[in-house]
Amino acid sequence: MEGGTWRRISTIFATLVLLIPGCFGSNEEIVVGNDWADGFSYIDDPAGFTGEDRIRPFNVSHPDPTVNASWGNSSWAVFGNLEGGNCCEHYLAATEWGWILNFGGEYPTWSEDRGHTWQEWMPPVVQDLNCRTPKLTVPGQEGLGEGSIVQTTTGDIIAMGWFPYPSSSGGDQFYAFFWDAEDEDWTWCFNRLTEPFYDRSWQMEIVGPIDGAAPYGSGDWASLVISNFWHQSSNRGGQMSTDGLNYYYFEFPDRDEQLDVMEVDLVAEDLEKAWDYTKPHKEMRGFPVPSGGAYFPNFFNDGGDAFLDTSLNWWRATTIEGNSLPSEYCAFDSSSYLHCVVNSGLIFEHMISNDGGETWRNQTYDLTGEASEIEEWEFHSNGNLDLFVLNVRYQSSEGPDIDIAWHVREYSENLKPDSMTFLGLGDLDATSGAGQDIRFDFASMTILPDGGSVIAYHDSSDPDPLFGLELFLPDTYASINS
């Protein structure tokens, strides 16, 4: 037979095997004859992935956890810290041209072919000639590290790396990494004017054009980086750059400050596909605004919102009609919908607005009875595909931590989830923070242009956190992207 025929046969066989319903966790009932897989197929042949235990079956179930209805399994490709993570986390993102990005560990790491091969960029000895702070590095010898990474609306990639421990290149080092869309290449700069022992960074684009006062200057956008530790503990740790390389200290307003109020127009129209990839990690607690600047819901102690304009000035903020947003965790996608997610105890509420945050539609997710505590969570949406995914890691009532992902397809029509996928074995009790024996520090996820989710999780199959790449997707996504 021709090679293509054999590949088709192997794909069909793998599909049949992995769609056989199976049990997982507390989902004991098998639903016979459920048509959840109709109209789905593998976008990538699971047999084509190399690596030990690379392909794993993840259980797909009824989206209501109280129903305890398992529908079957779908194959996901699974990766670990060799693909850009570290002992405790992954920092995942994607680009509009289909790269998977990871900066959980020392350097920007990415795959251009849906996880089949991976590349890592180490800084060369000499940094970019435009860097303001002289520094040489010893490539690959900067020590253990971690970073942040995200695409901008202009197609550039902004990233920040932190190397905390003494090494042949120094200690407590802060490296900016930048991928220029025009040059299609990476470069780096050393930055030192930061708080000591900076901690994991969160990062986002400030939509431009930017015209800031000295020392920030002007640019198509600005990159804002905050420290996980310093920002949450003392409202410090801001760093700002308008070239993605040279960062300067940037102050946040006091949480009780009474600034002038700006009514911010959050109505968006005709957003480009790039907006499906610019969402920062939720712990940034802010989001880029299509008309320019960035919005920080519930920033002030009294619940008020903050806005950072294109001149890099701070304001108290409301919507055009004087409302505040319902959650710290919000983001736009290319559909022009504004998504917000509220977490209260064991209950999540997903909300969307297409009128600038004045009115909302909502959907509730309730883990009461299944979970004793929410550990970590994250969300992402793809407006081009009308897809929303909510990822939650919770401590089950029975003890171990469980990783799940709810998929909402065609959310613009109906916010009810279509399915709930269990990621991994769900047999490990991990905790975030230094000093823990088993660590999973934060949730992280993204969605590729083809609709495949990329989601971090952790189970007993590996001492370090893993991430899964979804392969079994609706056939309609291919036609949307064609």
Protein backbone atom coordinates (compact mmCIF):
# COMPACT_ATOMS: atom_id res chain seq x y z
CA MET A 1 0.00 0.00 0.00
CA GLU A 2 0.99 3.63 -0.42
CA GLY A 3 2.30 5.34 2.72
CA GLY A 4 -0.67 7.71 2.77
CA THR A 5 -3.10 4.77 2.85
CA TRP A 6 -1.30 3.23 5.80
CA ARG A 7 -1.38 6.56 7.62
CA ARG A 8 -5.12 6.89 7.04
CA ILE A 9 -5.71 3.35 8.33
CA SER A 10 -3.61 3.99 11.44
CA THR A 11 -5.44 7.24 12.10
CA ILE A 12 -8.84 5.57 11.77
CA PHE A 13 -7.74 2.73 14.06
CA ALA A 14 -6.40 5.15 16.69
CA THR A 15 -9.62 7.13 16.53
CA LEU A 16 -11.79 4.06 17.05
CA VAL A 17 -9.69 2.83 19.96
CA LEU A 18 -9.57 6.16 21.74
CA LEU A 19 -13.24 6.95 21.33
CA ILE A 20 -14.27 3.84 23.25
CA PRO A 21 -15.93 5.22 26.41
CA GLY A 22 -13.93 4.79 29.57
CA CYS A 23 -14.15 5.64 33.26
CA PHE A 24 -12.23 8.44 34.92
CA GLY A 25 -12.26 9.61 38.50
CA SER A 26 -15.77 9.75 39.91
CA ASN A 27 -17.43 9.57 36.48
CA GLU A 28 -18.72 6.01 36.65
CA GLU A 29 -21.68 5.98 34.30
CA ILE A 30 -20.98 5.28 30.63
CA VAL A 31 -23.41 6.93 28.25
CA VAL A 32 -24.08 4.50 25.42
CA GLY A 33 -24.87 5.99 22.04
CA ASN A 34 -23.91 9.56 22.94
CA ASP A 35 -22.99 11.46 19.78
CA TRP A 36 -20.43 13.81 21.36
CA ALA A 37 -17.79 12.83 18.78
CA ASP A 38 -19.96 13.36 15.67
CA GLY A 39 -18.41 15.95 13.40
CA PHE A 40 -14.99 15.66 15.09
CA SER A 41 -11.77 14.21 13.71
CA TYR A 42 -8.06 14.21 14.50
CA ILE A 43 -6.35 17.27 13.08
CA ASP A 44 -3.05 15.49 13.58
CA ASP A 45 -2.42 11.73 13.52
CA PRO A 46 -1.71 10.66 17.12
CA ALA A 47 0.55 7.91 15.78
CA GLY A 48 2.76 10.55 14.20
CA PHE A 49 4.05 11.91 17.51
CA THR A 50 7.34 10.61 18.87
CA GLY A 51 8.37 10.32 22.49
CA GLU A 52 7.59 7.88 25.28
CA ASP A 53 3.99 8.08 26.49
CA ARG A 54 3.47 11.15 24.30
CA ILE A 55 -0.15 10.34 23.40
CA ARG A 56 -2.57 9.87 26.29
CA PRO A 57 -6.34 9.39 26.47
CA PHE A 58 -8.20 12.14 28.30
CA ASN A 59 -11.75 11.48 29.40
CA VAL A 60 -14.57 13.56 27.91
CA SER A 61 -17.70 13.82 30.05
CA HIS A 62 -21.03 15.53 30.48
CA PRO A 63 -20.35 19.20 31.32
CA ASP A 64 -22.41 18.99 34.52
CA PRO A 65 -20.11 17.27 37.05
CA THR A 66 -23.06 16.15 39.16
CA VAL A 67 -24.32 13.97 36.30
CA ASN A 68 -21.29 11.64 36.50
CA ALA A 69 -21.61 10.74 32.83
CA SER A 70 -18.47 9.71 30.95
CA TRP A 71 -18.80 9.97 27.16
CA GLY A 72 -15.47 8.54 26.01
CA ASN A 73 -11.84 9.41 25.49
CA SER A 74 -9.93 11.61 23.09
CA SER A 75 -6.18 11.58 22.50
CA TRP A 76 -4.02 14.51 23.55
CA ALA A 77 -0.28 14.94 22.99
CA VAL A 78 1.52 15.52 26.30
CA PHE A 79 4.73 17.47 26.95
CA GLY A 80 6.88 18.32 29.98
CA ASN A 81 9.60 20.66 31.16
CA LEU A 82 11.87 19.71 28.24
CA GLU A 83 9.43 21.70 26.12
CA GLY A 84 9.90 24.96 27.99
CA GLY A 85 8.73 24.36 31.56
CA ASN A 86 10.45 23.97 34.90
CA CYS A 87 9.90 22.16 38.18
CA CYS A 88 6.70 23.94 39.01
CA GLU A 89 4.90 25.50 36.05
CA HIS A 90 4.47 26.25 32.37
CA TYR A 91 3.76 29.70 30.94
CA LEU A 92 1.84 28.96 27.74
CA ALA A 93 0.80 31.22 24.88
CA ALA A 94 0.20 30.98 21.13
CA THR A 95 0.61 33.11 18.03
CA GLU A 96 -1.86 33.88 15.27
CA TRP A 97 0.37 31.97 12.83
CA GLY A 98 0.19 28.81 14.95
CA TRP A 99 3.24 28.64 17.19
CA ILE A 100 2.93 27.14 20.67
CA LEU A 101 4.94 29.32 23.08
CA ASN A 102 6.23 28.32 26.51
CA PHE A 103 8.33 30.35 28.93
CA GLY A 104 7.88 28.32 32.09
CA GLY A 105 11.62 27.73 32.34
CA GLU A 106 14.80 29.53 31.39
CA TYR A 107 14.30 30.58 27.78
CA PRO A 108 11.61 31.26 25.16
CA THR A 109 10.62 27.88 23.76
CA TRP A 110 8.27 27.25 20.86
CA SER A 111 6.93 24.74 18.36
CA GLU A 112 6.06 25.70 14.79
CA ASP A 113 4.50 22.32 13.90
CA ARG A 114 1.97 21.55 16.62
CA GLY A 115 4.41 20.00 19.05
CA HIS A 116 6.32 17.64 16.75
CA THR A 117 9.55 19.63 17.09
CA TRP A 118 10.62 22.33 19.52
CA GLN A 119 13.08 25.21 19.47
CA GLU A 120 14.68 27.20 22.27
CA TRP A 121 16.35 30.59 21.99
CA MET A 122 19.32 31.23 24.27
CA PRO A 123 20.73 34.74 24.38
CA PRO A 124 24.11 35.09 22.64
CA VAL A 125 27.10 36.53 24.46
CA VAL A 126 26.52 40.07 23.18
CA GLN A 127 23.14 41.69 23.61
CA ASP A 128 21.27 44.02 21.22
CA LEU A 129 23.23 47.15 20.33
CA ASN A 130 20.30 49.33 21.45
CA CYS A 131 20.40 48.10 25.06
CA ARG A 132 20.99 50.86 27.59
CA THR A 133 22.66 48.65 30.24
CA PRO A 134 25.91 46.91 29.16
CA LYS A 135 26.01 43.18 29.87
CA LEU A 136 27.59 40.03 28.51
CA THR A 137 26.13 36.63 29.22
CA VAL A 138 27.40 33.06 29.13
CA PRO A 139 24.88 31.35 26.84
CA GLY A 140 23.07 28.53 28.57
CA GLN A 141 24.79 29.26 31.88
CA GLU A 142 22.45 31.87 33.34
CA GLY A 143 21.14 29.38 35.88
CA LEU A 144 17.60 28.30 36.67
CA GLY A 145 14.98 30.75 35.48
CA GLU A 146 11.38 31.49 34.56
CA GLY A 147 9.59 34.02 32.43
CA SER A 148 6.52 35.42 30.70
CA ILE A 149 5.58 35.64 27.04
CA VAL A 150 2.72 36.93 24.85
CA GLN A 151 2.07 38.10 21.29
CA THR A 152 1.19 41.73 20.63
CA THR A 153 -1.57 42.93 18.33
CA THR A 154 1.15 43.92 15.83
CA GLY A 155 2.52 40.37 15.63
CA ASP A 156 5.63 40.91 17.75
CA ILE A 157 6.40 38.66 20.73
CA ILE A 158 7.29 40.28 24.05
CA ALA A 159 8.89 38.19 26.80
CA MET A 160 10.75 38.61 30.07
CA GLY A 161 13.07 36.18 31.82
CA TRP A 162 14.26 36.16 35.41
CA PHE A 163 17.33 34.18 36.56
CA PRO A 164 17.29 34.33 40.37
CA TYR A 165 20.29 32.25 41.41
CA PRO A 166 24.06 32.92 41.25
CA SER A 167 25.66 31.65 38.05
CA SER A 168 28.62 32.30 35.77
CA SER A 169 26.53 35.10 34.22
CA GLY A 170 25.60 36.70 37.55
CA GLY A 171 22.64 36.45 39.91
CA ASP A 172 19.11 37.85 40.20
CA GLN A 173 19.18 38.77 36.50
CA PHE A 174 16.34 40.33 34.50
CA TYR A 175 16.54 39.66 30.74
CA ALA A 176 14.09 41.08 28.18
CA PHE A 177 13.52 38.86 25.14
CA PHE A 178 11.93 40.26 21.99
CA TRP A 179 10.87 38.64 18.71
CA ASP A 180 10.50 41.26 16.01
CA ALA A 181 7.76 40.44 13.50
CA GLU A 182 9.53 42.40 10.77
CA ASP A 183 12.95 40.81 11.29
CA GLU A 184 11.50 37.44 12.32
CA ASP A 185 14.28 37.04 14.84
CA TRP A 186 14.98 37.19 18.58
CA THR A 187 17.16 39.61 20.49
CA TRP A 188 17.71 40.42 24.17
CA CYS A 189 18.67 43.13 26.67
CA PHE A 190 19.75 43.01 30.30
CA ASN A 191 17.69 45.16 32.68
CA ARG A 192 18.67 45.82 36.27
CA LEU A 193 16.50 48.59 37.74
CA THR A 194 14.10 46.19 39.43
CA GLU A 195 13.20 45.14 42.94
CA PRO A 196 15.54 42.48 44.36
CA PHE A 197 14.55 38.86 43.77
CA TYR A 198 11.86 39.88 41.31
CA ASP A 199 9.87 36.61 41.16
CA ARG A 200 7.75 35.29 38.27
CA SER A 201 6.69 38.03 35.88
CA TRP A 202 3.27 38.63 34.34
CA GLN A 203 3.21 40.60 31.11
CA MET A 204 0.80 42.41 28.78
CA GLU A 205 0.62 44.80 25.86
CA ILE A 206 -0.55 48.38 26.30
CA VAL A 207 -2.24 49.12 22.98
CA GLY A 208 -0.80 52.13 21.18
CA PRO A 209 0.36 54.17 19.52
CA ILE A 210 2.14 55.12 22.74
CA ASP A 211 3.43 58.63 23.41
CA GLY A 212 4.83 58.51 26.91
CA ALA A 213 6.94 60.96 28.83
CA ALA A 214 10.62 60.30 29.48
CA PRO A 215 12.08 57.80 29.99
CA TYR A 216 9.48 55.62 28.26
CA GLY A 217 9.19 57.38 24.90
CA SER A 218 6.93 56.33 22.04
CA GLY A 219 6.15 53.17 20.12
CA ASP A 220 3.48 51.12 18.41
CA TRP A 221 2.70 49.61 21.81
CA ALA A 222 4.14 49.35 25.29
CA SER A 223 5.01 46.23 27.26
CA LEU A 224 4.08 46.22 30.94
CA VAL A 225 5.66 43.64 33.25
CA ILE A 226 4.78 43.12 36.89
CA SER A 227 6.28 40.94 39.60
CA ASN A 228 4.05 38.24 41.05
CA PHE A 229 5.47 38.85 44.52
CA TRP A 230 6.10 42.59 44.62
CA HIS A 231 2.90 43.65 42.88
CA GLN A 232 0.60 41.55 45.05
CA SER A 233 2.43 42.22 48.32
CA SER A 234 3.13 45.96 48.04
CA ASN A 235 1.71 47.22 44.71
CA ARG A 236 5.25 47.56 43.31
CA GLY A 237 7.27 45.77 40.66
CA GLY A 238 6.07 47.50 37.49
CA GLN A 239 8.41 47.71 34.50
CA MET A 240 7.53 49.47 31.22
CA SER A 241 9.09 49.36 27.75
CA THR A 242 8.13 50.79 24.37
CA ASP A 243 10.66 48.72 22.41
CA GLY A 244 10.36 45.35 24.17
CA LEU A 245 14.01 45.50 25.26
CA ASN A 246 14.73 48.43 27.55
CA TYR A 247 12.49 48.53 30.62
CA TYR A 248 12.09 51.32 33.15
CA TYR A 249 10.49 51.31 36.58
CA PHE A 250 6.78 52.11 36.35
CA GLU A 251 4.64 53.06 39.33
CA PHE A 252 1.07 51.97 39.94
CA PRO A 253 -1.34 54.33 41.75
CA ASP A 254 -2.03 53.78 45.41
CA ARG A 255 -4.96 51.43 45.93
CA ASP A 256 -6.82 54.17 47.84
CA GLU A 257 -5.92 57.02 45.51
CA GLN A 258 -8.69 59.29 44.27
CA LEU A 259 -7.69 59.96 40.67
CA ASP A 260 -9.72 61.77 38.05
CA VAL A 261 -12.30 59.52 36.41
CA MET A 262 -12.25 58.60 32.72
CA GLU A 263 -15.16 56.97 30.92
CA VAL A 264 -13.52 54.29 28.79
CA ASP A 265 -15.15 53.11 25.59
CA LEU A 266 -14.99 49.32 25.73
CA VAL A 267 -17.15 48.80 22.65
CA ALA A 268 -15.01 47.07 20.01
CA GLU A 269 -15.72 46.30 16.36
CA ASP A 270 -13.95 44.43 13.56
CA LEU A 271 -11.03 43.24 15.66
CA GLU A 272 -8.29 41.33 13.87
CA LYS A 273 -7.44 37.70 14.60
CA ALA A 274 -4.41 38.87 16.58
CA TRP A 275 -6.80 39.68 19.43
CA ASP A 276 -7.26 35.95 20.02
CA TYR A 277 -3.61 35.76 21.15
CA THR A 278 -2.99 38.95 23.14
CA LYS A 279 -4.74 37.90 26.37
CA PRO A 280 -2.22 38.05 29.23
CA HIS A 281 -2.19 35.52 32.03
CA LYS A 282 -5.14 36.22 34.31
CA GLU A 283 -2.83 37.12 37.20
CA MET A 284 -1.95 40.28 35.28
CA ARG A 285 -5.46 41.34 36.37
CA GLY A 286 -5.76 43.68 33.42
CA PHE A 287 -6.31 43.55 29.67
CA PRO A 288 -5.44 45.51 26.51
CA VAL A 289 -8.14 47.87 25.24
CA PRO A 290 -8.80 47.92 21.47
CA SER A 291 -9.13 51.72 21.32
CA GLY A 292 -5.79 52.09 23.13
CA GLY A 293 -4.34 51.64 26.60
CA ALA A 294 -5.12 48.98 29.19
CA TYR A 295 -7.90 48.42 31.72
CA PHE A 296 -7.53 47.07 35.28
CA PRO A 297 -10.91 46.08 36.77
CA ASN A 298 -11.44 46.24 40.53
CA PHE A 299 -7.96 47.69 40.99
CA PHE A 300 -8.77 50.04 43.87
CA ASN A 301 -9.63 48.96 47.39
CA ASP A 302 -13.15 50.35 47.03
CA GLY A 303 -13.77 48.16 43.97
CA GLY A 304 -13.13 50.89 41.42
CA ASP A 305 -11.43 50.23 38.10
CA ALA A 306 -8.19 51.75 36.78
CA PHE A 307 -7.20 52.74 33.25
CA LEU A 308 -3.75 53.32 31.76
CA ASP A 309 -3.94 55.58 28.70
CA THR A 310 -1.64 55.79 25.66
CA SER A 311 0.36 58.56 27.32
CA LEU A 312 0.98 56.13 30.19
CA ASN A 313 -1.07 58.14 32.65
CA TRP A 314 -3.31 56.52 35.27
CA TRP A 315 -7.03 57.24 35.76
CA ARG A 316 -9.90 55.88 37.73
CA ALA A 317 -12.16 54.30 35.14
CA THR A 318 -15.73 53.39 34.37
CA THR A 319 -17.52 52.24 31.27
CA ILE A 320 -19.25 54.86 29.11
CA GLU A 321 -22.40 54.51 31.24
CA GLY A 322 -20.48 54.77 34.51
CA ASN A 323 -20.29 51.08 35.41
CA SER A 324 -17.43 49.02 36.82
CA LEU A 325 -16.54 45.62 35.40
CA PRO A 326 -17.65 42.57 37.41
CA SER A 327 -14.25 40.88 37.82
CA GLU A 328 -10.50 41.45 37.90
CA TYR A 329 -10.22 38.78 35.22
CA CYS A 330 -11.40 40.00 31.80
CA ALA A 331 -10.19 39.98 28.20
CA PHE A 332 -11.26 40.72 24.64
CA ASP A 333 -11.03 38.31 21.72
CA SER A 334 -11.39 38.92 17.97
CA SER A 335 -15.18 38.54 18.12
CA SER A 336 -15.21 41.91 19.96
CA TYR A 337 -16.87 40.26 22.96
CA LEU A 338 -15.48 41.16 26.36
CA HIS A 339 -15.17 38.05 28.55
CA CYS A 340 -15.01 38.20 32.35
CA VAL A 341 -14.80 35.30 34.81
CA VAL A 342 -15.77 35.55 38.47
CA ASN A 343 -14.69 32.94 41.01
CA SER A 344 -16.40 32.75 44.41
CA GLY A 345 -15.66 29.67 46.48
CA LEU A 346 -16.44 26.62 44.37
CA ILE A 347 -18.50 28.54 41.82
CA PHE A 348 -17.40 30.23 38.60
CA GLU A 349 -19.40 32.62 36.47
CA HIS A 350 -18.46 33.29 32.86
CA MET A 351 -19.83 36.58 31.55
CA ILE A 352 -19.73 38.16 28.09
CA SER A 353 -20.64 41.63 26.88
CA ASN A 354 -20.79 43.12 23.39
CA ASP A 355 -21.80 46.62 24.48
CA GLY A 356 -18.71 47.73 26.35
CA GLY A 357 -19.48 46.12 29.69
CA GLU A 358 -22.91 47.68 30.21
CA THR A 359 -24.96 44.47 29.99
CA TRP A 360 -23.92 40.85 30.37
CA ARG A 361 -24.94 37.30 29.58
CA ASN A 362 -23.67 34.73 32.02
CA GLN A 363 -23.16 31.02 32.68
CA THR A 364 -22.49 29.41 36.07
CA TYR A 365 -20.12 26.53 36.75
CA ASP A 366 -20.65 24.88 40.14
CA LEU A 367 -18.21 22.36 41.64
CA THR A 368 -20.06 22.08 44.95
CA GLY A 369 -20.05 18.45 46.03
CA GLU A 370 -17.13 17.60 43.73
CA ALA A 371 -14.45 19.94 45.06
CA SER A 372 -13.30 20.93 48.51
CA GLU A 373 -11.16 23.82 47.25
CA ILE A 374 -10.19 25.56 44.00
CA GLU A 375 -6.43 25.35 43.51
CA GLU A 376 -5.75 27.18 40.23
CA TRP A 377 -7.70 28.26 37.16
CA GLU A 378 -7.41 30.09 33.85
CA PHE A 379 -9.53 30.82 30.78
CA HIS A 380 -9.05 31.62 27.13
CA SER A 381 -11.25 32.33 24.13
CA ASN A 382 -10.95 32.38 20.37
CA GLY A 383 -13.38 34.75 18.71
CA ASN A 384 -12.63 33.54 15.20
CA LEU A 385 -13.81 30.04 16.18
CA ASP A 386 -16.47 31.19 18.66
CA LEU A 387 -14.76 29.06 21.33
CA PHE A 388 -14.32 29.58 25.08
CA VAL A 389 -12.42 27.22 27.41
CA LEU A 390 -12.35 27.35 31.22
CA ASN A 391 -9.58 25.34 32.87
CA VAL A 392 -9.84 24.57 36.61
CA ARG A 393 -7.61 22.59 38.94
CA TYR A 394 -9.47 21.71 42.12
CA GLN A 395 -8.90 19.56 45.16
CA SER A 396 -11.51 16.87 45.00
CA SER A 397 -13.69 15.94 47.93
CA GLU A 398 -11.86 12.62 47.92
CA GLY A 399 -8.42 14.23 48.22
CA PRO A 400 -6.38 14.38 44.97
CA ASP A 401 -6.27 17.40 42.69
CA ILE A 402 -8.31 17.15 39.48
CA ASP A 403 -7.62 19.10 36.27
CA ILE A 404 -10.59 19.80 34.02
CA ALA A 405 -11.43 21.92 30.99
CA TRP A 406 -14.91 23.00 29.96
CA HIS A 407 -15.34 23.70 26.24
CA VAL A 408 -18.02 26.15 25.12
CA ARG A 409 -18.43 26.02 21.36
CA GLU A 410 -20.41 28.81 19.66
CA TYR A 411 -20.50 30.82 22.86
CA SER A 412 -21.98 33.79 21.00
CA GLU A 413 -25.19 31.76 20.63
CA ASN A 414 -25.21 29.84 23.91
CA LEU A 415 -22.89 30.03 26.91
CA LYS A 416 -23.63 26.51 28.12
CA PRO A 417 -20.56 24.25 27.99
CA ASP A 418 -20.59 21.39 25.48
CA SER A 419 -18.26 19.06 27.34
CA MET A 420 -15.91 18.66 30.28
CA THR A 421 -12.50 17.05 29.73
CA PHE A 422 -10.43 15.52 32.52
CA LEU A 423 -6.72 16.16 31.93
CA GLY A 424 -4.37 13.50 33.20
CA LEU A 425 -4.84 10.94 35.93
CA GLY A 426 -6.23 13.20 38.64
CA ASP A 427 -4.25 11.38 41.31
CA LEU A 428 -1.85 13.94 42.75
CA ASP A 429 -2.10 16.52 45.52
CA ALA A 430 0.17 19.42 44.55
CA THR A 431 0.54 22.87 46.11
CA SER A 432 1.84 26.20 44.81
CA GLY A 433 4.73 28.04 46.40
CA ALA A 434 8.38 27.54 47.32
CA GLY A 435 9.21 24.80 49.80
CA GLN A 436 6.46 22.42 48.71
CA ASP A 437 7.45 18.86 47.83
CA ILE A 438 5.07 18.66 44.87
CA ARG A 439 4.44 21.98 43.16
CA PHE A 440 1.97 23.27 40.61
CA ASP A 441 2.31 27.01 40.95
CA PHE A 442 -0.30 28.30 38.53
CA ALA A 443 -2.67 27.31 35.75
CA SER A 444 -1.76 28.23 32.20
CA MET A 445 -3.44 27.66 28.85
CA THR A 446 -3.93 28.94 25.32
CA ILE A 447 -5.87 28.09 22.16
CA LEU A 448 -4.23 27.57 18.77
CA PRO A 449 -5.66 29.03 15.54
CA ASP A 450 -6.99 25.58 14.60
CA GLY A 451 -8.98 25.41 17.87
CA GLY A 452 -6.73 23.03 19.77
CA SER A 453 -6.35 23.90 23.45
CA VAL A 454 -2.94 23.76 25.13
CA ILE A 455 -3.39 23.34 28.88
CA ALA A 456 -1.03 22.76 31.82
CA TYR A 457 -1.82 20.06 34.37
CA HIS A 458 -0.06 17.73 36.82
CA ASP A 459 -0.43 14.08 37.78
CA SER A 460 1.72 11.26 39.16
CA SER A 461 3.09 10.26 35.74
CA ASP A 462 5.80 12.95 36.02
CA PRO A 463 7.46 14.70 38.97
CA ASP A 464 7.00 18.07 37.22
CA PRO A 465 3.92 19.72 35.68
CA LEU A 466 2.91 18.69 32.16
CA PHE A 467 0.83 20.27 29.43
CA GLY A 468 -1.53 18.69 26.95
CA LEU A 469 -2.22 19.55 23.32
CA GLU A 470 -5.72 18.84 22.03
CA LEU A 471 -5.91 16.84 18.78
CA PHE A 472 -9.57 15.84 18.35
CA LEU A 473 -11.41 18.89 16.97
CA PRO A 474 -14.64 19.89 15.21
CA ASP A 475 -14.41 19.55 11.43
CA THR A 476 -16.03 22.97 11.07
CA TYR A 477 -12.92 24.68 12.42
CA ALA A 478 -10.96 23.72 9.31
CA SER A 479 -13.56 25.33 7.06
CA ILE A 480 -13.59 28.51 9.18
CA ASN A 481 -9.83 28.81 8.81
CA SER A 482 -9.75 27.95 5.10
